[in-house]
Protein backbone atom coordinates (compact mmCIF):
# COMPACT_ATOMS: atom_id res chain seq x y z
CA MET A 1 -4.88 -2.48 -11.14
CA LYS A 2 -3.91 -2.65 -7.50
CA VAL A 3 -0.63 -1.89 -5.80
CA LYS A 4 0.82 -2.95 -2.50
CA ALA A 5 2.68 -0.68 -0.11
CA ASN A 6 6.04 -1.72 1.20
CA LYS A 7 7.29 -0.89 4.70
CA ARG A 8 8.58 2.44 3.45
CA LEU A 9 5.04 3.94 3.43
CA MET A 10 4.82 3.85 7.22
CA ILE A 11 8.38 5.13 7.55
CA ALA A 12 7.75 8.04 5.15
CA ARG A 13 4.59 8.97 7.06
CA ALA A 14 6.52 8.95 10.34
CA GLU A 15 9.37 10.99 8.83
CA HIS A 16 6.86 13.68 7.93
CA GLY A 17 5.42 13.55 11.44
CA TYR A 18 1.95 12.62 10.17
CA THR A 19 -0.56 10.49 11.96
CA ILE A 20 -2.75 8.40 9.67
CA LYS A 21 -5.52 10.96 10.19
CA GLU A 22 -3.23 13.85 9.24
CA LEU A 23 -1.95 12.05 6.14
CA SER A 24 -5.55 11.38 5.18
CA SER A 25 -6.36 15.07 5.47
CA VAL A 26 -3.31 16.11 3.41
CA SER A 27 -3.67 13.42 0.74
CA GLY A 28 -7.43 12.99 0.43
CA VAL A 29 -7.07 9.22 0.96
CA PRO A 30 -9.41 7.79 3.62
CA THR A 31 -7.82 6.80 6.94
CA ALA A 32 -9.07 3.22 6.57
CA THR A 33 -7.35 2.92 3.18
CA ILE A 34 -4.05 4.18 4.58
CA SER A 35 -4.28 1.84 7.55
CA ARG A 36 -5.05 -1.15 5.33
CA ALA A 37 -2.18 -0.23 3.00
CA GLU A 38 0.26 -0.04 5.89
CA ASN A 39 -0.95 -3.48 6.97
CA GLY A 40 -0.24 -5.05 3.59
CA GLN A 41 -3.61 -4.77 1.85
CA PRO A 42 -3.67 -3.62 -1.77
CA LEU A 43 -4.94 -0.20 -2.79
CA SER A 44 -5.72 1.57 -6.03
CA VAL A 45 -3.06 3.27 -8.11
CA LYS A 46 -5.01 6.52 -7.71
CA SER A 47 -4.83 6.37 -3.90
CA ALA A 48 -1.17 5.38 -4.04
CA GLY A 49 -0.43 8.38 -6.27
CA LYS A 50 -2.15 10.73 -3.83
CA LEU A 51 -0.07 9.36 -0.98
CA CYS A 52 3.13 9.77 -2.99
CA ARG A 53 2.31 13.39 -3.75
CA ALA A 54 1.45 14.13 -0.10
CA LEU A 55 4.67 12.52 1.11
CA ASP A 56 6.80 13.86 -1.77
CA GLU A 57 7.98 10.33 -2.55
CA VAL A 58 8.63 8.39 -5.73
CA PHE A 59 5.94 5.79 -6.47
CA THR A 60 8.36 2.88 -6.79
CA ASP A 61 9.93 3.71 -3.41
CA LEU A 62 6.61 3.15 -1.62
CA PHE A 63 4.62 0.72 -3.76
CA GLU A 64 4.88 -2.44 -5.81
CA VAL A 65 2.49 -3.34 -8.60
CA GLU A 66 0.57 -6.44 -7.61
CA THR A 67 0.76 -9.15 -10.22
CA ASN A 68 -0.58 -12.67 -10.33
CA ASN A 69 2.93 -13.94 -9.61
CA ILE A 70 3.11 -11.93 -6.38
CA ILE A 71 -0.32 -13.15 -5.37
CA GLU A 72 0.65 -16.76 -6.09
CA GLU A 73 3.90 -16.38 -4.12
CA GLU A 74 2.00 -15.04 -1.13
CA LYS A 75 -0.51 -17.88 -1.30
CA HIS A 76 2.36 -20.34 -1.38
CA GLU A 77 4.05 -18.69 1.62
CA GLN A 78 0.78 -18.82 3.58
CA GLY A 79 0.13 -22.43 2.61
CA ILE A 80 -3.03 -21.59 0.68
CA LYS A 81 -3.87 -24.15 -1.99
CA GLU A 82 -6.15 -23.56 -4.94
CA PRO A 83 -9.12 -25.92 -5.26
CA ARG A 84 -8.78 -28.47 -8.02
CA ALA A 85 -11.13 -28.18 -10.95
């Protein structure tokens, strides 16, 4: 299962005064993963949990569970069409 960060992740990091590198060091989540998450890419629940603990935040305040409906909505918004079978 993957989750997607909302804009609050970047805000929480800034409120703690962490750079991405510092948050990586505190949380154990690679810098590339944090950067991708802040830019809207999905990440694992395990990594999301580590970030929540490091930032002392509630999971649902920072992340949304990615479902097929969310993926389909994003495809629609971006004008991506599925190939016909």
